[in-house]
């Protein structure tokens, strides 16, 4: 483990490339993370509501499926929104 960390640190220092990040990138990242956070909040309420109202989810693997589905949905929507902002800005 120490070997990989040391090797990665040395390679990072040797081959470090400068990436140019401007205000537009910061704005797009901020907007997409804001949308992602709001969707995570909404999906938390959906998850709690589904748990309270649906007893089938409480007895089977439906809880795990619902969590993974909500996380996947939020991640895809956030990425699509970020791509949309890059294309329109």
C-alpha atoms as a PDB file:
ATOM      1  CA  UNK A   1       0.000   0.000   0.000  1.00  0.00           C
ATOM      2  CA  UNK A   2       2.785   2.413   0.913  1.00  0.00           C
ATOM      3  CA  UNK A   3       4.605   1.531  -2.301  1.00  0.00           C
ATOM      4  CA  UNK A   4       1.597   2.490  -4.461  1.00  0.00           C
ATOM      5  CA  UNK A   5       1.048   5.737  -2.568  1.00  0.00           C
ATOM      6  CA  UNK A   6       4.691   6.735  -2.893  1.00  0.00           C
ATOM      7  CA  UNK A   7       4.866   5.786  -6.572  1.00  0.00           C
ATOM      8  CA  UNK A   8       1.673   7.674  -7.344  1.00  0.00           C
ATOM      9  CA  UNK A   9       2.913  10.775  -5.489  1.00  0.00           C
ATOM     10  CA  UNK A  10       6.228  10.735  -7.360  1.00  0.00           C
ATOM     11  CA  UNK A  11       4.511  10.259 -10.741  1.00  0.00           C
ATOM     12  CA  UNK A  12       2.078  13.047  -9.932  1.00  0.00           C
ATOM     13  CA  UNK A  13       4.918  15.437  -9.134  1.00  0.00           C
ATOM     14  CA  UNK A  14       6.899  14.525 -12.247  1.00  0.00           C
ATOM     15  CA  UNK A  15       4.062  14.485 -14.793  1.00  0.00           C
ATOM     16  CA  UNK A  16       1.867  17.133 -13.237  1.00  0.00           C
ATOM     17  CA  UNK A  17      -0.029  19.030 -15.904  1.00  0.00           C
ATOM     18  CA  UNK A  18      -1.639  22.350 -15.339  1.00  0.00           C
ATOM     19  CA  UNK A  19      -5.331  22.402 -16.062  1.00  0.00           C
ATOM     20  CA  UNK A  20      -6.954  25.673 -16.824  1.00  0.00           C
ATOM     21  CA  UNK A  21     -10.126  26.209 -14.840  1.00  0.00           C
ATOM     22  CA  UNK A  22     -11.952  29.442 -15.374  1.00  0.00           C
ATOM     23  CA  UNK A  23     -15.006  31.032 -13.790  1.00  0.00           C
ATOM     24  CA  UNK A  24     -17.335  29.319 -16.245  1.00  0.00           C
ATOM     25  CA  UNK A  25     -16.182  25.884 -15.092  1.00  0.00           C
ATOM     26  CA  UNK A  26     -16.689  26.889 -11.459  1.00  0.00           C
ATOM     27  CA  UNK A  27     -20.188  28.184 -12.212  1.00  0.00           C
ATOM     28  CA  UNK A  28     -21.167  25.035 -14.114  1.00  0.00           C
ATOM     29  CA  UNK A  29     -19.824  22.777 -11.374  1.00  0.00           C
ATOM     30  CA  UNK A  30     -21.624  24.791  -8.709  1.00  0.00           C
ATOM     31  CA  UNK A  31     -24.949  24.647 -10.557  1.00  0.00           C
ATOM     32  CA  UNK A  32     -24.707  20.927 -11.256  1.00  0.00           C
ATOM     33  CA  UNK A  33     -23.718  20.101  -7.667  1.00  0.00           C
ATOM     34  CA  UNK A  34     -26.599  22.245  -6.416  1.00  0.00           C
ATOM     35  CA  UNK A  35     -29.024  20.299  -8.598  1.00  0.00           C
ATOM     36  CA  UNK A  36     -27.476  17.020  -7.450  1.00  0.00           C
ATOM     37  CA  UNK A  37     -27.844  18.018  -3.812  1.00  0.00           C
ATOM     38  CA  UNK A  38     -31.494  18.960  -4.313  1.00  0.00           C
ATOM     39  CA  UNK A  39     -32.161  15.665  -6.080  1.00  0.00           C
ATOM     40  CA  UNK A  40     -30.466  13.742  -3.253  1.00  0.00           C
ATOM     41  CA  UNK A  41     -32.710  15.544  -0.763  1.00  0.00           C
ATOM     42  CA  UNK A  42     -35.784  14.724  -2.832  1.00  0.00           C
ATOM     43  CA  UNK A  43     -34.765  11.101  -3.234  1.00  0.00           C
ATOM     44  CA  UNK A  44     -34.298  10.828   0.537  1.00  0.00           C
ATOM     45  CA  UNK A  45     -37.914  11.893   1.041  1.00  0.00           C
ATOM     46  CA  UNK A  46     -39.037   9.465  -1.683  1.00  0.00           C
ATOM     47  CA  UNK A  47     -37.072   6.671  -0.025  1.00  0.00           C
ATOM     48  CA  UNK A  48     -38.532   7.356   3.423  1.00  0.00           C
ATOM     49  CA  UNK A  49     -42.026   7.620   1.971  1.00  0.00           C
ATOM     50  CA  UNK A  50     -41.651   4.344   0.102  1.00  0.00           C
ATOM     51  CA  UNK A  51     -40.379   2.645   3.261  1.00  0.00           C
ATOM     52  CA  UNK A  52     -43.287   3.858   5.338  1.00  0.00           C
ATOM     53  CA  UNK A  53     -46.017   3.040   2.830  1.00  0.00           C
ATOM     54  CA  UNK A  54     -44.801  -0.132   1.152  1.00  0.00           C
ATOM     55  CA  UNK A  55     -44.329  -3.200   3.337  1.00  0.00           C
ATOM     56  CA  UNK A  56     -43.025  -5.234   0.373  1.00  0.00           C
ATOM     57  CA  UNK A  57     -39.836  -3.152   0.353  1.00  0.00           C
ATOM     58  CA  UNK A  58     -39.271  -3.861   4.038  1.00  0.00           C
ATOM     59  CA  UNK A  59     -39.222  -7.648   3.575  1.00  0.00           C
ATOM     60  CA  UNK A  60     -37.256  -8.099   0.360  1.00  0.00           C
ATOM     61  CA  UNK A  61     -34.189  -6.709  -1.351  1.00  0.00           C
ATOM     62  CA  UNK A  62     -36.303  -3.874  -2.683  1.00  0.00           C
ATOM     63  CA  UNK A  63     -34.640  -1.415  -0.314  1.00  0.00           C
ATOM     64  CA  UNK A  64     -31.248  -1.929  -1.893  1.00  0.00           C
ATOM     65  CA  UNK A  65     -32.722  -1.749  -5.391  1.00  0.00           C
ATOM     66  CA  UNK A  66     -34.536   1.490  -4.542  1.00  0.00           C
ATOM     67  CA  UNK A  67     -31.401   3.093  -3.087  1.00  0.00           C
ATOM     68  CA  UNK A  68     -29.246   2.108  -6.061  1.00  0.00           C
ATOM     69  CA  UNK A  69     -31.933   3.239  -8.505  1.00  0.00           C
ATOM     70  CA  UNK A  70     -32.273   6.643  -6.825  1.00  0.00           C
ATOM     71  CA  UNK A  71     -28.501   7.174  -6.695  1.00  0.00           C
ATOM     72  CA  UNK A  72     -28.126   6.181 -10.324  1.00  0.00           C
ATOM     73  CA  UNK A  73     -30.971   8.472 -11.370  1.00  0.00           C
ATOM     74  CA  UNK A  74     -29.526  11.455  -9.487  1.00  0.00           C
ATOM     75  CA  UNK A  75     -26.059  10.859 -10.881  1.00  0.00           C
ATOM     76  CA  UNK A  76     -27.298  10.608 -14.472  1.00  0.00           C
ATOM     77  CA  UNK A  77     -29.482  13.721 -14.199  1.00  0.00           C
ATOM     78  CA  UNK A  78     -26.625  15.703 -12.627  1.00  0.00           C
ATOM     79  CA  UNK A  79     -24.223  14.658 -15.390  1.00  0.00           C
ATOM     80  CA  UNK A  80     -26.708  15.442 -18.159  1.00  0.00           C
ATOM     81  CA  UNK A  81     -27.396  18.856 -16.625  1.00  0.00           C
ATOM     82  CA  UNK A  82     -23.672  19.560 -16.415  1.00  0.00           C
ATOM     83  CA  UNK A  83     -23.251  18.577 -20.078  1.00  0.00           C
ATOM     84  CA  UNK A  84     -26.202  20.799 -20.987  1.00  0.00           C
ATOM     85  CA  UNK A  85     -24.619  23.749 -19.175  1.00  0.00           C
ATOM     86  CA  UNK A  86     -21.309  23.199 -20.972  1.00  0.00           C
ATOM     87  CA  UNK A  87     -23.077  23.117 -24.335  1.00  0.00           C
ATOM     88  CA  UNK A  88     -25.173  26.247 -23.721  1.00  0.00           C
ATOM     89  CA  UNK A  89     -22.606  28.432 -21.967  1.00  0.00           C
END
